[in-house]
Each structure stands twice: as structure tokens, then as C-alpha cells.
Amino acid sequence: MESENSYLAIITVLLSIITLEIVSDSTSGLFQDIGSAIAILVLLILPLYLVGRIVYSMVG
């Protein structure tokens, strides 16, 4: 349950960043780049982490 709360917190932060980028006209380009980079990294790393956890639980 603890890990699920972490994943939900990450998803909430990413959704808030995306919402702020879409709604606010005064969002700077740097903030958009940083928010997009964080979102892409999480979307790439999180599935790899979950697959690694599944494999590790099967082996160990």
C-alpha cells in the first residue's frame, strides 16, 4: 500500500504540472521544459522499475 501511495503522489504532481502548463498563459518556457522532462523521465523509468520489482519478487 505504501508504494501505491507513492505512485499516486507522482501521478498527481505530474497532472498538476500539465494542468498548470495548459491553463496558465504566464507559464515560462523553462518551467514547461522542466515539467515535460520530469514527466517523460517518470513515464520511462516507472514501468522499468515496476517490471524490475516483479522480476525480483519472482526470483527472490
PDB file of N, CA and C in Angstrom:
ATOM      1  N   MET A   1       0.817  -1.187   0.000  1.00  0.00           N
ATOM      2  CA  MET A   1       0.000   0.000   0.000  1.00  0.00           C
ATOM      3  C   MET A   1       0.865   1.257   0.000  1.00  0.00           C
ATOM      4  N   GLU A   2       1.999   1.164   0.655  1.00  0.00           N
ATOM      5  CA  GLU A   2       2.882   2.333   0.725  1.00  0.00           C
ATOM      6  C   GLU A   2       3.386   2.723  -0.668  1.00  0.00           C
ATOM      7  N   SER A   3       3.737   1.739  -1.485  1.00  0.00           N
ATOM      8  CA  SER A   3       4.236   2.065  -2.821  1.00  0.00           C
ATOM      9  C   SER A   3       3.125   2.622  -3.704  1.00  0.00           C
ATOM     10  N   GLU A   4       1.898   2.153  -3.504  1.00  0.00           N
ATOM     11  CA  GLU A   4       0.788   2.685  -4.286  1.00  0.00           C
ATOM     12  C   GLU A   4       0.566   4.164  -3.983  1.00  0.00           C
ATOM     13  N   ASN A   5       0.719   4.543  -2.729  1.00  0.00           N
ATOM     14  CA  ASN A   5       0.582   5.957  -2.367  1.00  0.00           C
ATOM     15  C   ASN A   5       1.660   6.799  -3.033  1.00  0.00           C
ATOM     16  N   SER A   6       2.862   6.261  -3.147  1.00  0.00           N
ATOM     17  CA  SER A   6       3.947   6.983  -3.819  1.00  0.00           C
ATOM     18  C   SER A   6       3.626   7.181  -5.296  1.00  0.00           C
ATOM     19  N   TYR A   7       3.122   6.134  -5.939  1.00  0.00           N
ATOM     20  CA  TYR A   7       2.783   6.243  -7.350  1.00  0.00           C
ATOM     21  C   TYR A   7       1.653   7.248  -7.563  1.00  0.00           C
ATOM     22  N   LEU A   8       0.660   7.226  -6.694  1.00  0.00           N
ATOM     23  CA  LEU A   8      -0.439   8.175  -6.812  1.00  0.00           C
ATOM     24  C   LEU A   8       0.041   9.605  -6.593  1.00  0.00           C
ATOM     25  N   ALA A   9       0.986   9.791  -5.690  1.00  0.00           N
ATOM     26  CA  ALA A   9       1.538  11.129  -5.460  1.00  0.00           C
ATOM     27  C   ALA A   9       2.297  11.616  -6.687  1.00  0.00           C
ATOM     28  N   ILE A  10       3.071  10.749  -7.318  1.00  0.00           N
ATOM     29  CA  ILE A  10       3.808  11.121  -8.528  1.00  0.00           C
ATOM     30  C   ILE A  10       2.842  11.487  -9.651  1.00  0.00           C
ATOM     31  N   ILE A  11       1.807  10.696  -9.822  1.00  0.00           N
ATOM     32  CA  ILE A  11       0.827  10.965 -10.867  1.00  0.00           C
ATOM     33  C   ILE A  11       0.116  12.291 -10.610  1.00  0.00           C
ATOM     34  N   THR A  12      -0.201  12.569  -9.353  1.00  0.00           N
ATOM     35  CA  THR A  12      -0.867  13.824  -9.008  1.00  0.00           C
ATOM     36  C   THR A  12       0.016  15.026  -9.319  1.00  0.00           C
ATOM     37  N   VAL A  13       1.287  14.931  -8.990  1.00  0.00           N
ATOM     38  CA  VAL A  13       2.210  16.035  -9.281  1.00  0.00           C
ATOM     39  C   VAL A  13       2.330  16.251 -10.783  1.00  0.00           C
ATOM     40  N   LEU A  14       2.453  15.173 -11.545  1.00  0.00           N
ATOM     41  CA  LEU A  14       2.559  15.307 -12.998  1.00  0.00           C
ATOM     42  C   LEU A  14       1.292  15.916 -13.594  1.00  0.00           C
ATOM     43  N   LEU A  15       0.138  15.489 -13.115  1.00  0.00           N
ATOM     44  CA  LEU A  15      -1.111  16.072 -13.612  1.00  0.00           C
ATOM     45  C   LEU A  15      -1.223  17.551 -13.272  1.00  0.00           C
ATOM     46  N   SER A  16      -0.756  17.929 -12.088  1.00  0.00           N
ATOM     47  CA  SER A  16      -0.815  19.349 -11.729  1.00  0.00           C
ATOM     48  C   SER A  16       0.135  20.176 -12.594  1.00  0.00           C
ATOM     49  N   ILE A  17       1.308  19.634 -12.914  1.00  0.00           N
ATOM     50  CA  ILE A  17       2.243  20.343 -13.793  1.00  0.00           C
ATOM     51  C   ILE A  17       1.644  20.511 -15.182  1.00  0.00           C
ATOM     52  N   ILE A  18       1.054  19.449 -15.705  1.00  0.00           N
ATOM     53  CA  ILE A  18       0.454  19.513 -17.034  1.00  0.00           C
ATOM     54  C   ILE A  18      -0.712  20.498 -17.052  1.00  0.00           C
ATOM     55  N   THR A  19      -1.536  20.466 -16.005  1.00  0.00           N
ATOM     56  CA  THR A  19      -2.667  21.396 -15.923  1.00  0.00           C
ATOM     57  C   THR A  19      -2.196  22.836 -15.862  1.00  0.00           C
ATOM     58  N   LEU A  20      -1.166  23.103 -15.072  1.00  0.00           N
ATOM     59  CA  LEU A  20      -0.634  24.461 -14.979  1.00  0.00           C
ATOM     60  C   LEU A  20      -0.091  24.927 -16.325  1.00  0.00           C
ATOM     61  N   GLU A  21       0.574  24.045 -17.058  1.00  0.00           N
ATOM     62  CA  GLU A  21       1.094  24.414 -18.371  1.00  0.00           C
ATOM     63  C   GLU A  21      -0.024  24.738 -19.348  1.00  0.00           C
ATOM     64  N   ILE A  22      -1.118  23.984 -19.282  1.00  0.00           N
ATOM     65  CA  ILE A  22      -2.214  24.188 -20.226  1.00  0.00           C
ATOM     66  C   ILE A  22      -3.023  25.436 -19.885  1.00  0.00           C
ATOM     67  N   VAL A  23      -3.313  25.639 -18.615  1.00  0.00           N
ATOM     68  CA  VAL A  23      -4.236  26.699 -18.203  1.00  0.00           C
ATOM     69  C   VAL A  23      -3.570  28.061 -18.136  1.00  0.00           C
ATOM     70  N   SER A  24      -2.363  28.135 -17.637  1.00  0.00           N
ATOM     71  CA  SER A  24      -1.731  29.422 -17.380  1.00  0.00           C
ATOM     72  C   SER A  24      -1.029  29.954 -18.628  1.00  0.00           C
ATOM     73  N   ASP A  25      -1.348  31.192 -18.977  1.00  0.00           N
ATOM     74  CA  ASP A  25      -0.678  31.837 -20.106  1.00  0.00           C
ATOM     75  C   ASP A  25       0.681  32.393 -19.714  1.00  0.00           C
ATOM     76  N   SER A  26       0.894  32.580 -18.426  1.00  0.00           N
ATOM     77  CA  SER A  26       2.144  33.187 -17.971  1.00  0.00           C
ATOM     78  C   SER A  26       3.198  32.161 -17.575  1.00  0.00           C
ATOM     79  N   THR A  27       2.968  30.884 -17.877  1.00  0.00           N
ATOM     80  CA  THR A  27       3.954  29.855 -17.566  1.00  0.00           C
ATOM     81  C   THR A  27       5.170  30.047 -18.465  1.00  0.00           C
ATOM     82  N   SER A  28       6.346  30.094 -17.845  1.00  0.00           N
ATOM     83  CA  SER A  28       7.562  30.330 -18.626  1.00  0.00           C
ATOM     84  C   SER A  28       7.945  29.085 -19.424  1.00  0.00           C
ATOM     85  N   GLY A  29       8.717  29.305 -20.460  1.00  0.00           N
ATOM     86  CA  GLY A  29       9.173  28.205 -21.286  1.00  0.00           C
ATOM     87  C   GLY A  29      10.064  27.243 -20.536  1.00  0.00           C
ATOM     88  N   LEU A  30      10.870  27.773 -19.614  1.00  0.00           N
ATOM     89  CA  LEU A  30      11.750  26.917 -18.817  1.00  0.00           C
ATOM     90  C   LEU A  30      10.934  25.979 -17.939  1.00  0.00           C
ATOM     91  N   PHE A  31       9.879  26.487 -17.315  1.00  0.00           N
ATOM     92  CA  PHE A  31       9.024  25.639 -16.485  1.00  0.00           C
ATOM     93  C   PHE A  31       8.371  24.552 -17.323  1.00  0.00           C
ATOM     94  N   GLN A  32       7.947  24.891 -18.518  1.00  0.00           N
ATOM     95  CA  GLN A  32       7.340  23.890 -19.399  1.00  0.00           C
ATOM     96  C   GLN A  32       8.347  22.818 -19.775  1.00  0.00           C
ATOM     97  N   ASP A  33       9.585  23.232 -20.066  1.00  0.00           N
ATOM     98  CA  ASP A  33      10.623  22.261 -20.418  1.00  0.00           C
ATOM     99  C   ASP A  33      10.952  21.347 -19.246  1.00  0.00           C
ATOM    100  N   ILE A  34      11.073  21.926 -18.057  1.00  0.00           N
ATOM    101  CA  ILE A  34      11.394  21.119 -16.879  1.00  0.00           C
ATOM    102  C   ILE A  34      10.239  20.175 -16.552  1.00  0.00           C
ATOM    103  N   GLY A  35       9.016  20.666 -16.588  1.00  0.00           N
ATOM    104  CA  GLY A  35       7.855  19.812 -16.321  1.00  0.00           C
ATOM    105  C   GLY A  35       7.725  18.689 -17.320  1.00  0.00           C
ATOM    106  N   SER A  36       7.970  18.990 -18.584  1.00  0.00           N
ATOM    107  CA  SER A  36       7.901  17.959 -19.617  1.00  0.00           C
ATOM    108  C   SER A  36       9.004  16.926 -19.441  1.00  0.00           C
ATOM    109  N   ALA A  37      10.194  17.385 -19.110  1.00  0.00           N
ATOM    110  CA  ALA A  37      11.315  16.453 -18.920  1.00  0.00           C
ATOM    111  C   ALA A  37      11.060  15.521 -17.739  1.00  0.00           C
ATOM    112  N   ILE A  38      10.535  16.061 -16.645  1.00  0.00           N
ATOM    113  CA  ILE A  38      10.233  15.224 -15.486  1.00  0.00           C
ATOM    114  C   ILE A  38       9.153  14.205 -15.832  1.00  0.00           C
ATOM    115  N   ALA A  39       8.125  14.648 -16.549  1.00  0.00           N
ATOM    116  CA  ALA A  39       7.045  13.737 -16.922  1.00  0.00           C
ATOM    117  C   ALA A  39       7.560  12.611 -17.812  1.00  0.00           C
ATOM    118  N   ILE A  40       8.412  12.944 -18.769  1.00  0.00           N
ATOM    119  CA  ILE A  40       8.957  11.923 -19.666  1.00  0.00           C
ATOM    120  C   ILE A  40       9.834  10.944 -18.898  1.00  0.00           C
ATOM    121  N   LEU A  41      10.674  11.454 -18.003  1.00  0.00           N
ATOM    122  CA  LEU A  41      11.528  10.567 -17.219  1.00  0.00           C
ATOM    123  C   LEU A  41      10.710   9.608 -16.359  1.00  0.00           C
ATOM    124  N   VAL A  42       9.682  10.116 -15.724  1.00  0.00           N
ATOM    125  CA  VAL A  42       8.844   9.253 -14.888  1.00  0.00           C
ATOM    126  C   VAL A  42       8.120   8.219 -15.735  1.00  0.00           C
ATOM    127  N   LEU A  43       7.611   8.644 -16.887  1.00  0.00           N
ATOM    128  CA  LEU A  43       6.906   7.698 -17.752  1.00  0.00           C
ATOM    129  C   LEU A  43       7.830   6.626 -18.310  1.00  0.00           C
ATOM    130  N   LEU A  44       9.105   6.927 -18.451  1.00  0.00           N
ATOM    131  CA  LEU A  44      10.048   5.923 -18.935  1.00  0.00           C
ATOM    132  C   LEU A  44      10.597   5.043 -17.813  1.00  0.00           C
ATOM    133  N   ILE A  45      10.855   5.646 -16.658  1.00  0.00           N
ATOM    134  CA  ILE A  45      11.512   4.912 -15.573  1.00  0.00           C
ATOM    135  C   ILE A  45      10.518   4.091 -14.756  1.00  0.00           C
ATOM    136  N   LEU A  46       9.324   4.591 -14.525  1.00  0.00           N
ATOM    137  CA  LEU A  46       8.362   3.896 -13.668  1.00  0.00           C
ATOM    138  C   LEU A  46       8.005   2.499 -14.188  1.00  0.00           C
ATOM    139  N   PRO A  47       7.704   2.302 -15.476  1.00  0.00           N
ATOM    140  CA  PRO A  47       7.424   0.934 -15.940  1.00  0.00           C
ATOM    141  C   PRO A  47       8.630   0.006 -15.791  1.00  0.00           C
ATOM    142  N   LEU A  48       9.824   0.524 -16.040  1.00  0.00           N
ATOM    143  CA  LEU A  48      11.021  -0.309 -15.863  1.00  0.00           C
ATOM    144  C   LEU A  48      11.190  -0.718 -14.405  1.00  0.00           C
ATOM    145  N   TYR A  49      10.923   0.202 -13.504  1.00  0.00           N
ATOM    146  CA  TYR A  49      11.010  -0.098 -12.082  1.00  0.00           C
ATOM    147  C   TYR A  49       9.982  -1.154 -11.681  1.00  0.00           C
ATOM    148  N   LEU A  50       8.765  -1.010 -12.185  1.00  0.00           N
ATOM    149  CA  LEU A  50       7.720  -1.975 -11.839  1.00  0.00           C
ATOM    150  C   LEU A  50       8.031  -3.363 -12.385  1.00  0.00           C
ATOM    151  N   VAL A  51       8.528  -3.443 -13.607  1.00  0.00           N
ATOM    152  CA  VAL A  51       8.913  -4.737 -14.178  1.00  0.00           C
ATOM    153  C   VAL A  51      10.064  -5.333 -13.374  1.00  0.00           C
ATOM    154  N   GLY A  52      11.026  -4.508 -12.993  1.00  0.00           N
ATOM    155  CA  GLY A  52      12.141  -4.985 -12.173  1.00  0.00           C
ATOM    156  C   GLY A  52      11.666  -5.513 -10.832  1.00  0.00           C
ATOM    157  N   ARG A  53      10.701  -4.844 -10.239  1.00  0.00           N
ATOM    158  CA  ARG A  53      10.147  -5.320  -8.969  1.00  0.00           C
ATOM    159  C   ARG A  53       9.451  -6.659  -9.107  1.00  0.00           C
ATOM    160  N   ILE A  54       8.704  -6.825 -10.203  1.00  0.00           N
ATOM    161  CA  ILE A  54       8.011  -8.096 -10.446  1.00  0.00           C
ATOM    162  C   ILE A  54       9.021  -9.220 -10.648  1.00  0.00           C
ATOM    163  N   VAL A  55      10.036  -8.967 -11.448  1.00  0.00           N
ATOM    164  CA  VAL A  55      11.057  -9.982 -11.705  1.00  0.00           C
ATOM    165  C   VAL A  55      11.807 -10.320 -10.417  1.00  0.00           C
ATOM    166  N   TYR A  56      12.141  -9.296  -9.637  1.00  0.00           N
ATOM    167  CA  TYR A  56      12.863  -9.519  -8.378  1.00  0.00           C
ATOM    168  C   TYR A  56      12.028 -10.316  -7.388  1.00  0.00           C
ATOM    169  N   SER A  57      10.709 -10.057  -7.364  1.00  0.00           N
ATOM    170  CA  SER A  57       9.855 -10.818  -6.442  1.00  0.00           C
ATOM    171  C   SER A  57       9.713 -12.267  -6.879  1.00  0.00           C
ATOM    172  N   MET A  58       9.785 -12.524  -8.185  1.00  0.00           N
ATOM    173  CA  MET A  58       9.709 -13.904  -8.675  1.00  0.00           C
ATOM    174  C   MET A  58      10.994 -14.671  -8.386  1.00  0.00           C
ATOM    175  N   VAL A  59      12.124 -13.985  -8.501  1.00  0.00           N
ATOM    176  CA  VAL A  59      13.416 -14.635  -8.288  1.00  0.00           C
ATOM    177  C   VAL A  59      13.698 -14.805  -6.810  1.00  0.00           C
ATOM    178  N   GLY A  60      13.440 -13.753  -6.038  1.00  0.00           N
ATOM    179  CA  GLY A  60      13.814 -13.785  -4.627  1.00  0.00           C
ATOM    180  C   GLY A  60      12.727 -14.192  -3.775  1.00  0.00           C
TER     181      GLY A  60
END
